């Protein structure tokens, strides 16, 4: 539908405006929001200054008890961790000696 004397670009713009007008949906009326009384009471109460630590309480610790050390931990906690470190080193030593014994046994069987 090109009008005489109109360029192709002007014709395209005219058609676009026409189709855009047809495609626009009818405006809807949005009902006013109705809020429950319990929610309205929350807005009427004054805000509280409660820390998140008080709100959430104690955070659960992992089952393994392994965690990063924080600055300022008590000496008793560190001593308990030292005994864990000693047990770990003992286990490492035992495993190394077992591995060495197996290697010696394997060499003896080869000869």
N, C-alpha and C. Protein backbone atom coordinates (compact mmCIF):
# COMPACT_ATOMS: atom_id res chain seq x y z
N UNK A 1 0.84 -1.17 0.00
CA UNK A 1 0.00 0.00 0.00
C UNK A 1 0.89 1.24 0.00
N UNK A 2 1.41 1.52 -1.14
CA UNK A 2 2.33 2.64 -1.28
C UNK A 2 1.58 3.81 -1.91
N UNK A 3 1.72 4.94 -1.26
CA UNK A 3 1.08 6.14 -1.77
C UNK A 3 2.01 6.79 -2.78
N UNK A 4 1.45 7.35 -3.83
CA UNK A 4 2.23 7.95 -4.89
C UNK A 4 3.08 9.09 -4.34
N UNK A 5 4.36 9.07 -4.67
CA UNK A 5 5.26 10.12 -4.24
C UNK A 5 5.94 9.82 -2.90
N UNK A 6 5.61 8.69 -2.27
CA UNK A 6 6.22 8.31 -0.99
C UNK A 6 7.39 7.37 -1.25
N UNK A 7 8.44 7.52 -0.48
CA UNK A 7 9.56 6.60 -0.64
C UNK A 7 9.22 5.29 0.06
N UNK A 8 10.03 4.25 -0.23
CA UNK A 8 9.78 2.94 0.38
C UNK A 8 9.92 3.01 1.90
N UNK A 9 10.89 3.81 2.38
CA UNK A 9 11.12 3.90 3.83
C UNK A 9 9.94 4.55 4.53
N UNK A 10 9.42 5.62 3.96
CA UNK A 10 8.26 6.29 4.56
C UNK A 10 7.05 5.36 4.56
N UNK A 11 6.89 4.59 3.50
CA UNK A 11 5.78 3.65 3.41
C UNK A 11 5.90 2.60 4.51
N UNK A 12 7.14 2.10 4.72
CA UNK A 12 7.37 1.09 5.75
C UNK A 12 7.03 1.65 7.13
N UNK A 13 7.46 2.89 7.41
CA UNK A 13 7.16 3.51 8.70
C UNK A 13 5.66 3.68 8.90
N UNK A 14 4.96 4.06 7.84
CA UNK A 14 3.52 4.23 7.92
C UNK A 14 2.83 2.90 8.25
N UNK A 15 3.26 1.83 7.55
CA UNK A 15 2.66 0.51 7.81
C UNK A 15 2.99 0.04 9.22
N UNK A 16 4.22 0.30 9.66
CA UNK A 16 4.62 -0.13 11.01
C UNK A 16 3.75 0.56 12.08
N UNK A 17 3.54 1.88 11.92
CA UNK A 17 2.70 2.60 12.88
C UNK A 17 1.28 2.05 12.88
N UNK A 18 0.79 1.71 11.72
CA UNK A 18 -0.57 1.18 11.61
C UNK A 18 -0.68 -0.17 12.32
N UNK A 19 0.28 -1.09 12.07
CA UNK A 19 0.25 -2.42 12.69
C UNK A 19 0.50 -2.33 14.20
N UNK A 20 1.40 -1.42 14.60
CA UNK A 20 1.69 -1.29 16.02
C UNK A 20 0.43 -0.82 16.76
N UNK A 21 -0.32 0.07 16.15
CA UNK A 21 -1.55 0.55 16.78
C UNK A 21 -2.55 -0.60 16.91
N UNK A 22 -2.61 -1.46 15.90
CA UNK A 22 -3.55 -2.58 15.95
C UNK A 22 -3.11 -3.63 16.97
N UNK A 23 -1.80 -3.80 17.16
CA UNK A 23 -1.30 -4.83 18.06
C UNK A 23 -1.33 -4.44 19.53
N UNK A 24 -1.48 -3.15 19.83
CA UNK A 24 -1.49 -2.74 21.23
C UNK A 24 -2.71 -3.34 21.93
N UNK A 25 -2.49 -4.00 23.06
CA UNK A 25 -3.63 -4.60 23.75
C UNK A 25 -4.47 -3.53 24.42
N UNK A 26 -5.71 -3.89 24.66
CA UNK A 26 -6.59 -2.97 25.38
C UNK A 26 -6.07 -2.82 26.80
N UNK A 27 -6.21 -1.65 27.32
CA UNK A 27 -5.71 -1.41 28.68
C UNK A 27 -6.62 -2.10 29.68
N UNK A 28 -5.97 -2.74 30.66
CA UNK A 28 -6.70 -3.46 31.69
C UNK A 28 -6.79 -2.62 32.94
N UNK A 29 -7.86 -2.80 33.66
CA UNK A 29 -7.97 -2.14 34.95
C UNK A 29 -7.46 -3.11 36.01
N UNK A 30 -6.49 -2.64 36.77
CA UNK A 30 -5.89 -3.47 37.81
C UNK A 30 -6.62 -3.17 39.12
N UNK A 31 -7.10 -4.22 39.79
CA UNK A 31 -7.82 -3.98 41.05
C UNK A 31 -6.86 -3.48 42.12
N UNK A 32 -7.40 -2.75 43.06
CA UNK A 32 -6.56 -2.26 44.16
C UNK A 32 -6.15 -3.45 45.01
N UNK A 33 -4.96 -3.36 45.57
CA UNK A 33 -4.43 -4.46 46.36
C UNK A 33 -5.13 -4.53 47.70
N UNK A 34 -5.50 -5.74 48.07
CA UNK A 34 -6.11 -5.97 49.36
C UNK A 34 -5.11 -6.77 50.18
N UNK A 35 -4.72 -6.23 51.34
CA UNK A 35 -3.72 -6.89 52.15
C UNK A 35 -4.38 -7.44 53.42
N UNK A 36 -3.96 -8.62 53.80
CA UNK A 36 -4.53 -9.22 55.00
C UNK A 36 -4.17 -8.39 56.22
N UNK A 37 -5.03 -8.48 57.24
CA UNK A 37 -4.82 -7.69 58.46
C UNK A 37 -3.52 -8.06 59.15
N UNK A 38 -3.15 -9.36 59.11
CA UNK A 38 -1.92 -9.78 59.79
C UNK A 38 -0.70 -9.12 59.16
N UNK A 39 -0.72 -8.95 57.85
CA UNK A 39 0.39 -8.27 57.19
C UNK A 39 0.38 -6.77 57.48
N UNK A 40 -0.79 -6.21 57.57
CA UNK A 40 -0.89 -4.78 57.87
C UNK A 40 -0.35 -4.50 59.26
N UNK A 41 -0.56 -5.43 60.20
CA UNK A 41 -0.05 -5.24 61.56
C UNK A 41 1.48 -5.17 61.56
N UNK A 42 2.12 -5.91 60.67
CA UNK A 42 3.58 -5.86 60.59
C UNK A 42 4.06 -4.46 60.21
N UNK A 43 3.33 -3.81 59.33
CA UNK A 43 3.73 -2.47 58.91
C UNK A 43 3.47 -1.44 60.00
N UNK A 44 2.49 -1.69 60.85
CA UNK A 44 2.16 -0.73 61.90
C UNK A 44 3.10 -0.82 63.09
N UNK A 45 3.78 -1.97 63.29
CA UNK A 45 4.68 -2.13 64.42
C UNK A 45 5.99 -1.37 64.17
N UNK A 46 6.59 -0.84 65.25
CA UNK A 46 7.87 -0.15 65.07
C UNK A 46 8.97 -1.17 64.76
N UNK A 47 10.00 -0.78 64.02
CA UNK A 47 11.08 -1.72 63.69
C UNK A 47 11.90 -2.07 64.94
N UNK A 48 12.46 -3.27 64.95
CA UNK A 48 13.27 -3.70 66.09
C UNK A 48 14.74 -3.70 65.68
N UNK A 49 15.59 -3.49 66.65
CA UNK A 49 17.03 -3.52 66.42
C UNK A 49 17.58 -4.79 67.05
N UNK A 50 17.41 -5.90 66.37
CA UNK A 50 17.87 -7.19 66.87
C UNK A 50 19.01 -7.66 65.99
N UNK A 51 20.11 -8.09 66.62
CA UNK A 51 21.25 -8.53 65.82
C UNK A 51 20.93 -9.87 65.17
N UNK A 52 21.60 -10.15 64.07
CA UNK A 52 21.37 -11.42 63.38
C UNK A 52 21.81 -12.60 64.21
N UNK A 53 22.86 -12.42 65.03
CA UNK A 53 23.32 -13.52 65.88
C UNK A 53 22.23 -13.91 66.88
N UNK A 54 21.56 -12.92 67.45
CA UNK A 54 20.47 -13.22 68.38
C UNK A 54 19.30 -13.86 67.66
N UNK A 55 19.05 -13.40 66.44
CA UNK A 55 17.91 -13.90 65.68
C UNK A 55 18.11 -15.36 65.28
N UNK A 56 19.29 -15.71 64.75
CA UNK A 56 19.54 -17.06 64.25
C UNK A 56 20.03 -18.00 65.34
N UNK A 57 20.64 -17.50 66.40
CA UNK A 57 21.14 -18.36 67.47
C UNK A 57 22.45 -19.01 67.08
N UNK A 58 22.79 -20.10 67.77
CA UNK A 58 24.05 -20.81 67.52
C UNK A 58 23.98 -21.55 66.19
N UNK A 59 25.03 -21.44 65.40
CA UNK A 59 25.10 -22.18 64.15
C UNK A 59 25.58 -23.59 64.44
N UNK A 60 25.02 -24.59 63.79
CA UNK A 60 25.46 -25.97 64.04
C UNK A 60 26.87 -26.20 63.51
N UNK A 61 27.61 -27.03 64.25
CA UNK A 61 28.97 -27.38 63.82
C UNK A 61 28.90 -28.66 62.99
N UNK A 62 29.87 -28.84 62.11
CA UNK A 62 29.92 -30.04 61.28
C UNK A 62 30.19 -31.27 62.11
N UNK A 63 29.80 -32.43 61.59
CA UNK A 63 29.98 -33.68 62.32
C UNK A 63 31.45 -34.01 62.53
N UNK A 64 32.26 -33.66 61.58
CA UNK A 64 33.67 -34.03 61.68
C UNK A 64 34.41 -33.16 62.69
N UNK A 65 33.88 -31.99 62.99
CA UNK A 65 34.54 -31.09 63.92
C UNK A 65 35.71 -30.35 63.31
N UNK A 66 35.95 -30.55 62.02
CA UNK A 66 37.06 -29.88 61.37
C UNK A 66 36.59 -28.51 60.91
N UNK A 67 37.36 -27.52 61.27
CA UNK A 67 37.03 -26.16 60.85
C UNK A 67 38.30 -25.32 60.91
N UNK A 68 38.25 -24.16 60.30
CA UNK A 68 39.40 -23.26 60.34
C UNK A 68 39.46 -22.61 61.71
N UNK A 69 40.67 -22.36 62.18
CA UNK A 69 40.83 -21.72 63.48
C UNK A 69 40.59 -20.23 63.35
N UNK A 70 39.84 -19.70 64.28
CA UNK A 70 39.57 -18.27 64.30
C UNK A 70 40.58 -17.59 65.21
N UNK A 71 40.75 -16.31 65.01
CA UNK A 71 41.65 -15.54 65.85
C UNK A 71 41.03 -15.45 67.24
N UNK A 72 41.86 -15.68 68.26
CA UNK A 72 41.38 -15.55 69.63
C UNK A 72 40.77 -16.80 70.20
N UNK A 73 41.05 -17.97 69.65
CA UNK A 73 40.53 -19.21 70.22
C UNK A 73 41.25 -19.52 71.52
N UNK A 74 40.57 -20.23 72.38
CA UNK A 74 41.17 -20.53 73.69
C UNK A 74 42.29 -21.56 73.54
N UNK A 75 43.19 -21.57 74.52
CA UNK A 75 44.34 -22.47 74.49
C UNK A 75 43.89 -23.92 74.59
N UNK A 76 42.80 -24.19 75.35
CA UNK A 76 42.32 -25.57 75.51
C UNK A 76 41.90 -26.16 74.17
N UNK A 77 41.23 -25.36 73.36
CA UNK A 77 40.82 -25.85 72.04
C UNK A 77 42.03 -26.18 71.19
N UNK A 78 43.06 -25.35 71.28
CA UNK A 78 44.27 -25.61 70.50
C UNK A 78 44.97 -26.87 70.99
N UNK A 79 44.97 -27.11 72.33
CA UNK A 79 45.60 -28.31 72.86
C UNK A 79 44.88 -29.56 72.38
N UNK A 80 43.54 -29.50 72.32
CA UNK A 80 42.77 -30.65 71.82
C UNK A 80 43.14 -30.91 70.36
N UNK A 81 43.33 -29.84 69.59
CA UNK A 81 43.73 -29.99 68.20
C UNK A 81 45.14 -30.55 68.08
N UNK A 82 46.01 -30.23 69.04
CA UNK A 82 47.37 -30.78 69.00
C UNK A 82 47.33 -32.29 69.18
N UNK A 83 46.46 -32.79 70.04
CA UNK A 83 46.38 -34.23 70.20
C UNK A 83 45.88 -34.87 68.90
N UNK A 84 44.99 -34.20 68.20
CA UNK A 84 44.54 -34.70 66.90
C UNK A 84 45.72 -34.74 65.93
N UNK A 85 46.53 -33.70 65.98
CA UNK A 85 47.71 -33.64 65.11
C UNK A 85 48.68 -34.77 65.44
N UNK A 86 48.86 -35.05 66.74
CA UNK A 86 49.73 -36.16 67.13
C UNK A 86 49.19 -37.49 66.62
N UNK A 87 47.87 -37.69 66.74
CA UNK A 87 47.25 -38.94 66.25
C UNK A 87 47.44 -39.06 64.74
N UNK A 88 47.29 -37.95 64.04
CA UNK A 88 47.45 -37.96 62.58
C UNK A 88 48.88 -38.33 62.21
N UNK A 89 49.85 -37.76 62.91
CA UNK A 89 51.25 -38.08 62.62
C UNK A 89 51.56 -39.54 62.94
N UNK A 90 50.99 -40.06 64.04
CA UNK A 90 51.21 -41.45 64.40
C UNK A 90 50.64 -42.38 63.32
N UNK A 91 49.44 -42.06 62.85
CA UNK A 91 48.81 -42.86 61.80
C UNK A 91 49.65 -42.81 60.52
N UNK A 92 50.16 -41.64 60.18
CA UNK A 92 50.99 -41.48 59.00
C UNK A 92 52.26 -42.33 59.12
N UNK A 93 52.87 -42.33 60.32
CA UNK A 93 54.07 -43.12 60.56
C UNK A 93 53.77 -44.62 60.42
N UNK A 94 52.64 -45.07 60.99
CA UNK A 94 52.27 -46.50 60.91
C UNK A 94 52.05 -46.91 59.46
N UNK A 95 51.35 -46.09 58.71
CA UNK A 95 51.10 -46.41 57.30
C UNK A 95 52.40 -46.48 56.51
N UNK A 96 53.32 -45.57 56.80
CA UNK A 96 54.60 -45.57 56.10
C UNK A 96 55.40 -46.83 56.43
N UNK A 97 55.37 -47.24 57.72
CA UNK A 97 56.12 -48.44 58.09
C UNK A 97 55.49 -49.69 57.47
N UNK A 98 54.16 -49.75 57.39
CA UNK A 98 53.50 -50.88 56.73
C UNK A 98 53.87 -50.94 55.25
N UNK A 99 53.89 -49.77 54.61
CA UNK A 99 54.24 -49.71 53.19
C UNK A 99 55.67 -50.19 52.97
N UNK A 100 56.56 -49.78 53.86
CA UNK A 100 57.96 -50.19 53.76
C UNK A 100 58.09 -51.70 53.95
N UNK A 101 57.34 -52.27 54.91
CA UNK A 101 57.38 -53.71 55.16
C UNK A 101 56.87 -54.48 53.94
N UNK A 102 55.81 -53.98 53.30
CA UNK A 102 55.27 -54.65 52.10
C UNK A 102 56.29 -54.62 50.96
N UNK A 103 56.95 -53.48 50.79
CA UNK A 103 57.95 -53.37 49.72
C UNK A 103 59.10 -54.34 49.96
N UNK A 104 59.56 -54.46 51.22
CA UNK A 104 60.64 -55.39 51.54
C UNK A 104 60.20 -56.83 51.29
N UNK A 105 58.95 -57.14 51.63
CA UNK A 105 58.42 -58.50 51.41
C UNK A 105 58.35 -58.80 49.92
N UNK A 106 57.92 -57.81 49.13
CA UNK A 106 57.84 -58.01 47.68
C UNK A 106 59.22 -58.24 47.09
N UNK A 107 60.23 -57.52 47.56
CA UNK A 107 61.60 -57.71 47.08
C UNK A 107 62.11 -59.10 47.46
N UNK A 108 61.77 -59.56 48.65
CA UNK A 108 62.21 -60.88 49.11
C UNK A 108 61.58 -61.98 48.25
N UNK A 109 60.34 -61.81 47.85
CA UNK A 109 59.67 -62.82 47.02
C UNK A 109 60.25 -62.85 45.61
N UNK A 110 60.68 -61.71 45.10
CA UNK A 110 61.24 -61.66 43.76
C UNK A 110 62.60 -62.35 43.69
N UNK A 111 63.33 -62.35 44.79
CA UNK A 111 64.68 -62.95 44.78
C UNK A 111 64.65 -64.41 44.98
